[in-house]
Amino acid sequence: MTNADAGTGTVVGDERIRIFCGLQLADETVACLAAWQAEQLRVGRIVPPENLHVTLAFLGHRPAADVPAVVGELREASAAAGRIELRPVRYRETRSVGMVVLEDAGGAATALADDLQERLERLGLYRREHRPWLPHVTVLRFRERAGLVPPPPNTCSIHVVRSALYRSLLGAGEARYVVLETGVLGGR
């Protein structure tokens, strides 16, 4: 992958890029979450529909040359994953984001996150956090905690399409996420 245009999903070998692995959501899931955001979230910066996803592992700024190794591990871990079934259970805020916390029915998403994080850690590309992985979709960003307590979007089915390696492009306003590569879940 080579391209001198920093605004695209392609990268140059010695360039440092901000990347993360995540689960892509189905169009109907994104539409449902976006409608819930518009109805329930009245403060802060709503995360745009094209940025809604479930993060598996945030790698931060990495050399673009690491992308093939990350993609290989993402695809292998994804192929070994079981059927992922996520359900919205509650809204939660941290100091800078609001999120929809998801129940991982059957544990397949957690197993995928653990497998992928272990694979990336073995390669020296990732360091696990001390807290357990929490399946969630970030839906709101703010400078000060918003203090919202909306009901969860219980009408939304959280359908996962595939895993993906994303590039995060920072700039004025909201970050933009570009899919670099995808992986097939469960060998499907």
N, C-alpha and C. Protein backbone atom coordinates (compact mmCIF):
# COMPACT_ATOMS: atom_id res chain seq x y z
N MET A 1 0.83 -1.17 0.00
CA MET A 1 0.00 0.00 0.00
C MET A 1 0.88 1.23 0.00
N THR A 2 0.74 2.04 -1.00
CA THR A 2 1.48 3.29 -1.00
C THR A 2 0.60 4.38 -1.56
N ASN A 3 0.71 5.54 -0.96
CA ASN A 3 -0.02 6.69 -1.44
C ASN A 3 0.50 7.89 -0.66
N ALA A 4 0.82 8.93 -1.34
CA ALA A 4 1.35 10.12 -0.68
C ALA A 4 0.26 10.96 -0.04
N ASP A 5 -1.01 10.70 -0.37
CA ASP A 5 -2.11 11.49 0.16
C ASP A 5 -2.46 11.03 1.57
N ALA A 6 -2.14 11.83 2.58
CA ALA A 6 -2.39 11.48 3.98
C ALA A 6 -3.87 11.43 4.29
N GLY A 7 -4.74 11.91 3.44
CA GLY A 7 -6.17 11.89 3.70
C GLY A 7 -6.86 10.60 3.27
N THR A 8 -6.10 9.65 2.78
CA THR A 8 -6.70 8.40 2.31
C THR A 8 -6.42 7.26 3.26
N GLY A 9 -6.98 6.12 2.95
CA GLY A 9 -6.77 4.94 3.78
C GLY A 9 -5.47 4.23 3.48
N THR A 10 -4.78 4.61 2.44
CA THR A 10 -3.52 3.96 2.12
C THR A 10 -2.38 4.70 2.79
N VAL A 11 -1.27 4.00 2.94
CA VAL A 11 -0.16 4.57 3.72
C VAL A 11 1.17 4.33 3.06
N VAL A 12 2.16 5.11 3.49
CA VAL A 12 3.53 4.99 3.01
C VAL A 12 4.32 4.23 4.07
N GLY A 13 5.25 3.36 3.68
CA GLY A 13 5.97 2.45 4.55
C GLY A 13 6.61 3.03 5.79
N ASP A 14 7.27 4.19 5.73
CA ASP A 14 7.96 4.72 6.90
C ASP A 14 7.14 5.77 7.66
N GLU A 15 5.96 6.03 7.18
CA GLU A 15 5.05 6.98 7.83
C GLU A 15 4.52 6.40 9.14
N ARG A 16 4.28 7.24 10.15
CA ARG A 16 3.65 6.80 11.40
C ARG A 16 2.17 7.15 11.30
N ILE A 17 1.33 6.16 11.57
CA ILE A 17 -0.11 6.37 11.47
C ILE A 17 -0.79 5.90 12.75
N ARG A 18 -1.95 6.46 13.02
CA ARG A 18 -2.73 6.11 14.22
C ARG A 18 -3.74 5.04 13.80
N ILE A 19 -3.64 3.84 14.41
CA ILE A 19 -4.49 2.73 13.98
C ILE A 19 -5.14 2.02 15.16
N PHE A 20 -6.23 1.32 14.84
CA PHE A 20 -6.89 0.46 15.82
C PHE A 20 -7.66 -0.63 15.08
N CYS A 21 -7.89 -1.74 15.78
CA CYS A 21 -8.69 -2.84 15.24
C CYS A 21 -10.07 -2.76 15.87
N GLY A 22 -11.09 -3.04 15.07
CA GLY A 22 -12.45 -2.96 15.59
C GLY A 22 -13.39 -3.87 14.84
N LEU A 23 -14.64 -3.82 15.27
CA LEU A 23 -15.71 -4.55 14.62
C LEU A 23 -16.57 -3.55 13.86
N GLN A 24 -16.77 -3.80 12.57
CA GLN A 24 -17.65 -2.95 11.77
C GLN A 24 -19.09 -3.34 12.06
N LEU A 25 -19.94 -2.35 12.15
CA LEU A 25 -21.36 -2.59 12.41
C LEU A 25 -22.15 -2.57 11.11
N ALA A 26 -23.24 -3.35 11.08
CA ALA A 26 -24.11 -3.40 9.91
C ALA A 26 -24.79 -2.05 9.72
N ASP A 27 -25.16 -1.74 8.49
CA ASP A 27 -25.80 -0.46 8.17
C ASP A 27 -27.05 -0.22 9.02
N GLU A 28 -27.88 -1.26 9.21
CA GLU A 28 -29.11 -1.07 10.00
C GLU A 28 -28.81 -0.79 11.47
N THR A 29 -27.71 -1.35 11.98
CA THR A 29 -27.29 -1.06 13.36
C THR A 29 -26.85 0.40 13.47
N VAL A 30 -26.05 0.85 12.52
CA VAL A 30 -25.57 2.23 12.52
C VAL A 30 -26.75 3.20 12.42
N ALA A 31 -27.71 2.91 11.55
CA ALA A 31 -28.88 3.78 11.40
C ALA A 31 -29.69 3.85 12.69
N CYS A 32 -29.86 2.72 13.34
CA CYS A 32 -30.61 2.69 14.60
C CYS A 32 -29.88 3.48 15.69
N LEU A 33 -28.57 3.28 15.81
CA LEU A 33 -27.79 4.02 16.82
C LEU A 33 -27.79 5.52 16.53
N ALA A 34 -27.70 5.89 15.25
CA ALA A 34 -27.71 7.31 14.88
C ALA A 34 -29.05 7.95 15.23
N ALA A 35 -30.14 7.25 15.00
CA ALA A 35 -31.47 7.77 15.36
C ALA A 35 -31.58 7.93 16.88
N TRP A 36 -31.07 6.96 17.63
CA TRP A 36 -31.08 7.04 19.10
C TRP A 36 -30.23 8.22 19.57
N GLN A 37 -29.05 8.42 18.97
CA GLN A 37 -28.20 9.56 19.33
C GLN A 37 -28.95 10.88 19.14
N ALA A 38 -29.60 11.04 17.98
CA ALA A 38 -30.30 12.28 17.67
C ALA A 38 -31.43 12.53 18.66
N GLU A 39 -32.06 11.48 19.12
CA GLU A 39 -33.20 11.61 20.05
C GLU A 39 -32.76 11.81 21.50
N GLN A 40 -31.68 11.15 21.92
CA GLN A 40 -31.31 11.11 23.34
C GLN A 40 -30.14 12.01 23.75
N LEU A 41 -29.26 12.33 22.84
CA LEU A 41 -28.02 13.02 23.20
C LEU A 41 -28.07 14.47 22.74
N ARG A 42 -28.24 15.38 23.68
CA ARG A 42 -28.45 16.79 23.35
C ARG A 42 -27.26 17.69 23.66
N VAL A 43 -26.18 17.13 24.18
CA VAL A 43 -25.00 17.93 24.50
C VAL A 43 -23.76 17.24 23.93
N GLY A 44 -22.64 17.94 23.91
CA GLY A 44 -21.41 17.33 23.43
C GLY A 44 -21.39 17.18 21.92
N ARG A 45 -20.42 16.41 21.45
CA ARG A 45 -20.26 16.14 20.02
C ARG A 45 -20.68 14.70 19.74
N ILE A 46 -21.74 14.55 19.02
CA ILE A 46 -22.23 13.21 18.66
C ILE A 46 -21.23 12.58 17.68
N VAL A 47 -20.86 11.34 17.94
CA VAL A 47 -19.97 10.61 17.04
C VAL A 47 -20.75 10.35 15.75
N PRO A 48 -20.21 10.74 14.59
CA PRO A 48 -20.93 10.55 13.33
C PRO A 48 -21.14 9.07 13.01
N PRO A 49 -22.21 8.77 12.30
CA PRO A 49 -22.53 7.37 11.98
C PRO A 49 -21.36 6.59 11.37
N GLU A 50 -20.60 7.23 10.49
CA GLU A 50 -19.50 6.52 9.81
C GLU A 50 -18.36 6.16 10.77
N ASN A 51 -18.37 6.70 12.00
CA ASN A 51 -17.33 6.38 12.98
C ASN A 51 -17.79 5.39 14.05
N LEU A 52 -19.03 4.93 14.00
CA LEU A 52 -19.54 4.00 15.00
C LEU A 52 -18.95 2.60 14.77
N HIS A 53 -18.39 2.01 15.81
CA HIS A 53 -17.74 0.70 15.72
C HIS A 53 -17.53 0.19 17.15
N VAL A 54 -17.04 -1.03 17.28
CA VAL A 54 -16.63 -1.59 18.57
C VAL A 54 -15.12 -1.81 18.49
N THR A 55 -14.36 -1.12 19.34
CA THR A 55 -12.90 -1.25 19.31
C THR A 55 -12.47 -2.57 19.94
N LEU A 56 -11.58 -3.29 19.26
CA LEU A 56 -10.99 -4.52 19.79
C LEU A 56 -9.62 -4.25 20.41
N ALA A 57 -8.82 -3.39 19.76
CA ALA A 57 -7.47 -3.07 20.26
C ALA A 57 -7.03 -1.75 19.63
N PHE A 58 -6.69 -0.78 20.48
CA PHE A 58 -6.18 0.50 20.00
C PHE A 58 -4.67 0.45 20.04
N LEU A 59 -4.03 0.60 18.90
CA LEU A 59 -2.58 0.50 18.82
C LEU A 59 -1.88 1.85 18.85
N GLY A 60 -2.59 2.94 18.63
CA GLY A 60 -1.99 4.26 18.64
C GLY A 60 -1.14 4.51 17.41
N HIS A 61 -0.15 5.37 17.53
CA HIS A 61 0.73 5.71 16.40
C HIS A 61 1.74 4.59 16.19
N ARG A 62 1.71 4.01 15.00
CA ARG A 62 2.60 2.91 14.64
C ARG A 62 3.21 3.20 13.28
N PRO A 63 4.39 2.63 13.00
CA PRO A 63 4.93 2.74 11.64
C PRO A 63 3.98 2.04 10.66
N ALA A 64 3.78 2.65 9.51
CA ALA A 64 2.91 2.06 8.50
C ALA A 64 3.40 0.67 8.10
N ALA A 65 4.69 0.41 8.25
CA ALA A 65 5.24 -0.90 7.92
C ALA A 65 4.67 -2.01 8.81
N ASP A 66 4.06 -1.65 9.95
CA ASP A 66 3.44 -2.64 10.84
C ASP A 66 2.09 -3.13 10.33
N VAL A 67 1.49 -2.40 9.39
CA VAL A 67 0.14 -2.73 8.93
C VAL A 67 -0.01 -4.17 8.45
N PRO A 68 0.87 -4.71 7.60
CA PRO A 68 0.69 -6.09 7.15
C PRO A 68 0.67 -7.10 8.30
N ALA A 69 1.52 -6.94 9.29
CA ALA A 69 1.54 -7.86 10.43
C ALA A 69 0.25 -7.75 11.24
N VAL A 70 -0.23 -6.53 11.45
CA VAL A 70 -1.48 -6.33 12.19
C VAL A 70 -2.64 -6.95 11.43
N VAL A 71 -2.69 -6.72 10.13
CA VAL A 71 -3.77 -7.29 9.30
C VAL A 71 -3.73 -8.81 9.35
N GLY A 72 -2.55 -9.40 9.26
CA GLY A 72 -2.44 -10.85 9.32
C GLY A 72 -2.99 -11.41 10.63
N GLU A 73 -2.63 -10.80 11.74
CA GLU A 73 -3.13 -11.26 13.05
C GLU A 73 -4.62 -11.01 13.19
N LEU A 74 -5.10 -9.88 12.72
CA LEU A 74 -6.53 -9.57 12.77
C LEU A 74 -7.33 -10.60 11.99
N ARG A 75 -6.86 -10.92 10.80
CA ARG A 75 -7.58 -11.89 9.95
C ARG A 75 -7.56 -13.29 10.57
N GLU A 76 -6.42 -13.70 11.14
CA GLU A 76 -6.36 -15.03 11.77
C GLU A 76 -7.25 -15.11 12.99
N ALA A 77 -7.19 -14.10 13.85
CA ALA A 77 -8.04 -14.10 15.05
C ALA A 77 -9.52 -14.05 14.65
N SER A 78 -9.85 -13.27 13.64
CA SER A 78 -11.24 -13.15 13.18
C SER A 78 -11.75 -14.47 12.62
N ALA A 79 -10.92 -15.16 11.85
CA ALA A 79 -11.32 -16.44 11.26
C ALA A 79 -11.61 -17.48 12.35
N ALA A 80 -10.91 -17.37 13.47
CA ALA A 80 -11.10 -18.33 14.57
C ALA A 80 -12.26 -17.94 15.49
N ALA A 81 -12.83 -16.77 15.29
CA ALA A 81 -13.88 -16.26 16.19
C ALA A 81 -15.19 -17.03 16.02
N GLY A 82 -15.90 -17.13 17.13
CA GLY A 82 -17.25 -17.69 17.10
C GLY A 82 -18.25 -16.64 16.65
N ARG A 83 -19.53 -17.02 16.65
CA ARG A 83 -20.61 -16.10 16.25
C ARG A 83 -20.74 -15.00 17.29
N ILE A 84 -20.63 -13.77 16.86
CA ILE A 84 -20.68 -12.62 17.77
C ILE A 84 -22.12 -12.12 17.88
N GLU A 85 -22.57 -12.03 19.13
CA GLU A 85 -23.92 -11.56 19.42
C GLU A 85 -23.82 -10.51 20.53
N LEU A 86 -24.06 -9.26 20.17
CA LEU A 86 -23.96 -8.15 21.12
C LEU A 86 -25.33 -7.51 21.33
N ARG A 87 -25.59 -7.08 22.57
CA ARG A 87 -26.86 -6.42 22.89
C ARG A 87 -26.59 -5.17 23.73
N PRO A 88 -27.25 -4.04 23.39
CA PRO A 88 -27.08 -2.83 24.20
C PRO A 88 -27.70 -3.04 25.58
N VAL A 89 -26.96 -2.66 26.64
CA VAL A 89 -27.50 -2.84 27.99
C VAL A 89 -27.59 -1.54 28.78
N ARG A 90 -26.69 -0.58 28.52
CA ARG A 90 -26.77 0.68 29.28
C ARG A 90 -25.90 1.74 28.62
N TYR A 91 -26.18 2.97 29.01
CA TYR A 91 -25.36 4.10 28.61
C TYR A 91 -24.41 4.38 29.77
N ARG A 92 -23.15 4.72 29.45
CA ARG A 92 -22.14 4.99 30.48
C ARG A 92 -21.28 6.16 30.02
N GLU A 93 -20.83 6.97 30.98
CA GLU A 93 -19.92 8.07 30.66
C GLU A 93 -18.60 7.90 31.38
N THR A 94 -17.52 8.27 30.69
CA THR A 94 -16.22 8.43 31.32
C THR A 94 -15.98 9.94 31.37
N ARG A 95 -14.76 10.37 31.65
CA ARG A 95 -14.51 11.81 31.73
C ARG A 95 -14.63 12.52 30.39
N SER A 96 -14.51 11.79 29.27
CA SER A 96 -14.54 12.48 27.97
C SER A 96 -15.46 11.86 26.91
N VAL A 97 -16.05 10.70 27.19
CA VAL A 97 -16.93 10.07 26.20
C VAL A 97 -18.18 9.48 26.85
N GLY A 98 -19.22 9.37 26.02
CA GLY A 98 -20.42 8.62 26.37
C GLY A 98 -20.45 7.40 25.48
N MET A 99 -20.88 6.27 26.04
CA MET A 99 -20.86 5.03 25.28
C MET A 99 -22.10 4.18 25.55
N VAL A 100 -22.42 3.33 24.59
CA VAL A 100 -23.43 2.31 24.80
C VAL A 100 -22.66 1.04 25.12
N VAL A 101 -22.83 0.55 26.35
CA VAL A 101 -22.17 -0.68 26.79
C VAL A 101 -22.97 -1.86 26.26
N LEU A 102 -22.26 -2.86 25.78
CA LEU A 102 -22.90 -4.02 25.14
C LEU A 102 -22.69 -5.28 25.95
N GLU A 103 -23.70 -6.12 25.97
CA GLU A 103 -23.58 -7.46 26.54
C GLU A 103 -23.03 -8.36 25.44
N ASP A 104 -22.03 -9.15 25.77
CA ASP A 104 -21.43 -10.07 24.81
C ASP A 104 -22.03 -11.45 25.06
N ALA A 105 -23.22 -11.69 24.51
CA ALA A 105 -23.90 -12.96 24.71
C ALA A 105 -23.05 -14.08 24.11
N GLY A 106 -22.67 -15.04 24.92
CA GLY A 106 -21.85 -16.15 24.45
C GLY A 106 -20.36 -15.90 24.56
N GLY A 107 -19.93 -14.65 24.71
CA GLY A 107 -18.52 -14.33 24.92
C GLY A 107 -17.63 -14.35 23.69
N ALA A 108 -18.19 -14.47 22.49
CA ALA A 108 -17.35 -14.57 21.29
C ALA A 108 -16.57 -13.28 21.00
N ALA A 109 -17.17 -12.12 21.24
CA ALA A 109 -16.46 -10.86 20.98
C ALA A 109 -15.30 -10.70 21.97
N THR A 110 -15.54 -11.06 23.23
CA THR A 110 -14.47 -10.97 24.23
C THR A 110 -13.34 -11.94 23.89
N ALA A 111 -13.69 -13.13 23.46
CA ALA A 111 -12.68 -14.12 23.07
C ALA A 111 -11.87 -13.61 21.89
N LEU A 112 -12.52 -12.97 20.92
CA LEU A 112 -11.83 -12.40 19.77
C LEU A 112 -10.89 -11.28 20.22
N ALA A 113 -11.37 -10.38 21.06
CA ALA A 113 -10.53 -9.28 21.56
C ALA A 113 -9.32 -9.83 22.29
N ASP A 114 -9.53 -10.82 23.17
CA ASP A 114 -8.41 -11.42 23.92
C ASP A 114 -7.40 -12.08 22.98
N ASP A 115 -7.90 -12.85 22.02
CA ASP A 115 -7.01 -13.53 21.07
C ASP A 115 -6.21 -12.52 20.27
N LEU A 116 -6.88 -11.51 19.73
CA LEU A 116 -6.20 -10.50 18.92
C LEU A 116 -5.18 -9.73 19.75
N GLN A 117 -5.55 -9.31 20.95
CA GLN A 117 -4.64 -8.55 21.80
C GLN A 117 -3.41 -9.39 22.15
N GLU A 118 -3.62 -10.66 22.43
CA GLU A 118 -2.49 -11.55 22.74
C GLU A 118 -1.56 -11.70 21.53
N ARG A 119 -2.14 -11.88 20.36
CA ARG A 119 -1.34 -12.01 19.13
C ARG A 119 -0.50 -10.75 18.88
N LEU A 120 -1.14 -9.59 19.02
CA LEU A 120 -0.44 -8.32 18.76
C LEU A 120 0.62 -8.06 19.83
N GLU A 121 0.33 -8.47 21.05
CA GLU A 121 1.30 -8.30 22.14
C GLU A 121 2.54 -9.16 21.90
N ARG A 122 2.33 -10.39 21.43
CA ARG A 122 3.48 -11.28 21.12
C ARG A 122 4.40 -10.67 20.08
N LEU A 123 3.83 -9.91 19.15
CA LEU A 123 4.63 -9.26 18.11
C LEU A 123 5.26 -7.95 18.60
N GLY A 124 4.92 -7.54 19.81
CA GLY A 124 5.45 -6.29 20.34
C GLY A 124 4.76 -5.05 19.78
N LEU A 125 3.55 -5.24 19.24
CA LEU A 125 2.83 -4.12 18.62
C LEU A 125 1.76 -3.53 19.52
N TYR A 126 1.52 -4.15 20.67
CA TYR A 126 0.39 -3.76 21.51
C TYR A 126 0.71 -4.10 22.96
N ARG A 127 0.21 -3.28 23.87
CA ARG A 127 0.30 -3.59 25.29
C ARG A 127 -1.11 -3.55 25.86
N ARG A 128 -1.51 -4.67 26.48
CA ARG A 128 -2.86 -4.76 27.03
C ARG A 128 -3.06 -3.78 28.17
N GLU A 129 -4.31 -3.35 28.31
CA GLU A 129 -4.69 -2.52 29.44
C GLU A 129 -4.85 -3.43 30.66
N HIS A 130 -4.78 -2.84 31.83
CA HIS A 130 -4.91 -3.63 33.07
C HIS A 130 -6.37 -3.98 33.37
N ARG A 131 -7.29 -3.25 32.81
CA ARG A 131 -8.70 -3.54 33.03
C ARG A 131 -9.21 -4.47 31.93
N PRO A 132 -10.26 -5.22 32.22
CA PRO A 132 -10.79 -6.12 31.18
C PRO A 132 -11.41 -5.34 30.01
N TRP A 133 -11.39 -5.95 28.85
CA TRP A 133 -11.99 -5.35 27.66
C TRP A 133 -13.48 -5.19 27.87
N LEU A 134 -14.02 -4.04 27.48
CA LEU A 134 -15.45 -3.74 27.63
C LEU A 134 -16.04 -3.51 26.25
N PRO A 135 -16.94 -4.39 25.79
CA PRO A 135 -17.57 -4.15 24.49
C PRO A 135 -18.50 -2.94 24.58
N HIS A 136 -18.25 -1.97 23.71
CA HIS A 136 -19.07 -0.75 23.71
C HIS A 136 -18.93 -0.02 22.38
N VAL A 137 -19.86 0.89 22.16
CA VAL A 137 -19.81 1.80 21.01
C VAL A 137 -19.77 3.21 21.57
N THR A 138 -18.72 3.95 21.27
CA THR A 138 -18.64 5.35 21.69
C THR A 138 -19.60 6.15 20.83
N VAL A 139 -20.51 6.89 21.48
CA VAL A 139 -21.57 7.61 20.76
C VAL A 139 -21.51 9.12 20.97
N LEU A 140 -20.70 9.58 21.96
CA LEU A 140 -20.67 10.99 22.30
C LEU A 140 -19.30 11.36 22.85
N ARG A 141 -18.82 12.55 22.52
CA ARG A 141 -17.55 13.07 23.07
C ARG A 141 -17.85 14.44 23.68
N PHE A 142 -17.12 14.77 24.76
CA PHE A 142 -17.33 16.05 25.42
C PHE A 142 -16.10 16.45 26.21
N ARG A 143 -15.99 17.74 26.53
CA ARG A 143 -14.88 18.24 27.34
C ARG A 143 -15.12 17.98 28.81
N GLU A 144 -16.35 18.13 29.25
CA GLU A 144 -16.73 17.84 30.63
C GLU A 144 -17.85 16.83 30.60
N ARG A 145 -17.83 15.92 31.57
CA ARG A 145 -18.85 14.88 31.65
C ARG A 145 -20.23 15.50 31.48
N ALA A 146 -21.02 14.91 30.61
CA ALA A 146 -22.33 15.46 30.27
C ALA A 146 -23.38 15.17 31.35
N GLY A 147 -23.22 14.09 32.09
CA GLY A 147 -24.18 13.74 33.13
C GLY A 147 -25.51 13.23 32.60
N LEU A 148 -25.49 12.68 31.42
CA LEU A 148 -26.72 12.16 30.82
C LEU A 148 -27.04 10.78 31.39
N VAL A 149 -28.34 10.45 31.39
CA VAL A 149 -28.77 9.12 31.82
C VAL A 149 -29.88 8.62 30.88
N PRO A 150 -29.58 8.57 29.59
CA PRO A 150 -30.62 8.11 28.66
C PRO A 150 -30.82 6.60 28.76
N PRO A 151 -32.02 6.15 28.39
CA PRO A 151 -32.22 4.70 28.33
C PRO A 151 -31.37 4.13 27.20
N PRO A 152 -30.95 2.87 27.34
CA PRO A 152 -30.14 2.29 26.24
C PRO A 152 -31.00 2.11 25.00
N PRO A 153 -30.35 2.06 23.85
CA PRO A 153 -31.10 1.87 22.59
C PRO A 153 -31.53 0.41 22.43
N ASN A 154 -32.48 -0.03 23.26
CA ASN A 154 -32.87 -1.44 23.29
C ASN A 154 -33.49 -1.94 22.00
N THR A 155 -33.94 -1.04 21.15
CA THR A 155 -34.54 -1.49 19.89
C THR A 155 -33.47 -1.79 18.83
N CYS A 156 -32.23 -1.46 19.12
CA CYS A 156 -31.15 -1.67 18.14
C CYS A 156 -30.55 -3.07 18.28
N SER A 157 -30.54 -3.79 17.20
CA SER A 157 -29.81 -5.05 17.16
C SER A 157 -28.39 -4.72 16.74
N ILE A 158 -27.42 -5.20 17.50
CA ILE A 158 -26.03 -4.89 17.19
C ILE A 158 -25.47 -6.01 16.31
N HIS A 159 -25.58 -5.82 15.01
CA HIS A 159 -25.08 -6.79 14.05
C HIS A 159 -23.68 -6.37 13.62
N VAL A 160 -22.76 -7.31 13.72
CA VAL A 160 -21.38 -7.07 13.33
C VAL A 160 -21.17 -7.62 11.92
N VAL A 161 -20.57 -6.82 11.06
CA VAL A 161 -20.36 -7.22 9.68
C VAL A 161 -19.04 -7.97 9.52
N ARG A 162 -17.94 -7.37 10.03
CA ARG A 162 -16.61 -7.96 9.90
C ARG A 162 -15.67 -7.22 10.85
N SER A 163 -14.47 -7.72 10.97
CA SER A 163 -13.45 -6.99 11.72
C SER A 163 -12.74 -6.07 10.73
N ALA A 164 -12.09 -5.05 11.27
CA ALA A 164 -11.41 -4.10 10.39
C ALA A 164 -10.22 -3.47 11.09
N LEU A 165 -9.22 -3.12 10.29
CA LEU A 165 -8.12 -2.29 10.76
C LEU A 165 -8.45 -0.89 10.28
N TYR A 166 -8.58 0.03 11.23
CA TYR A 166 -8.93 1.41 10.95
C TYR A 166 -7.71 2.32 11.10
N ARG A 167 -7.69 3.35 10.29
CA ARG A 167 -6.73 4.43 10.46
C ARG A 167 -7.54 5.61 10.99
N SER A 168 -7.06 6.23 12.04
CA SER A 168 -7.71 7.40 12.63
C SER A 168 -6.98 8.64 12.15
N LEU A 169 -7.70 9.48 11.42
CA LEU A 169 -7.13 10.73 10.90
C LEU A 169 -7.63 11.87 11.76
N LEU A 170 -6.72 12.51 12.46
CA LEU A 170 -7.08 13.61 13.34
C LEU A 170 -6.98 14.92 12.58
N GLY A 171 -7.85 15.83 12.92
CA GLY A 171 -7.83 17.14 12.29
C GLY A 171 -8.77 18.06 13.05
N ALA A 172 -9.12 19.16 12.44
CA ALA A 172 -10.07 20.07 13.06
C ALA A 172 -11.42 19.36 13.18
N GLY A 173 -12.01 19.43 14.35
CA GLY A 173 -13.31 18.78 14.55
C GLY A 173 -13.14 17.31 14.87
N GLU A 174 -14.07 16.53 14.43
CA GLU A 174 -14.13 15.09 14.73
C GLU A 174 -13.07 14.32 13.93
N ALA A 175 -12.48 13.30 14.56
CA ALA A 175 -11.56 12.41 13.85
C ALA A 175 -12.33 11.69 12.75
N ARG A 176 -11.60 11.26 11.75
CA ARG A 176 -12.21 10.48 10.67
C ARG A 176 -11.55 9.12 10.65
N TYR A 177 -12.36 8.05 10.60
CA TYR A 177 -11.83 6.70 10.59
C TYR A 177 -11.95 6.12 9.19
N VAL A 178 -10.83 5.59 8.72
CA VAL A 178 -10.78 5.01 7.38
C VAL A 178 -10.40 3.54 7.51
N VAL A 179 -11.17 2.67 6.89
CA VAL A 179 -10.87 1.24 6.92
C VAL A 179 -9.71 0.95 5.98
N LEU A 180 -8.63 0.36 6.53
CA LEU A 180 -7.48 -0.01 5.72
C LEU A 180 -7.65 -1.41 5.15
N GLU A 181 -8.09 -2.35 6.01
CA GLU A 181 -8.29 -3.74 5.61
C GLU A 181 -9.39 -4.34 6.48
N THR A 182 -9.99 -5.43 6.01
CA THR A 182 -11.02 -6.11 6.80
C THR A 182 -10.68 -7.58 6.96
N GLY A 183 -11.36 -8.21 7.93
CA GLY A 183 -11.21 -9.63 8.18
C GLY A 183 -12.58 -10.29 8.26
N VAL A 184 -12.65 -11.52 7.83
CA VAL A 184 -13.90 -12.29 7.86
C VAL A 184 -14.03 -12.96 9.21
N LEU A 185 -15.20 -12.85 9.82
CA LEU A 185 -15.44 -13.42 11.14
C LEU A 185 -15.85 -14.89 11.05
N GLY A 186 -15.27 -15.71 11.90
CA GLY A 186 -15.66 -17.10 12.01
C GLY A 186 -15.49 -17.93 10.75
N GLY A 187 -14.58 -17.52 9.91
CA GLY A 187 -14.32 -18.30 8.71
C GLY A 187 -15.43 -18.21 7.68
N ARG A 188 -16.40 -17.28 7.89
CA ARG A 188 -17.50 -17.13 6.93
C ARG A 188 -17.06 -16.28 5.79
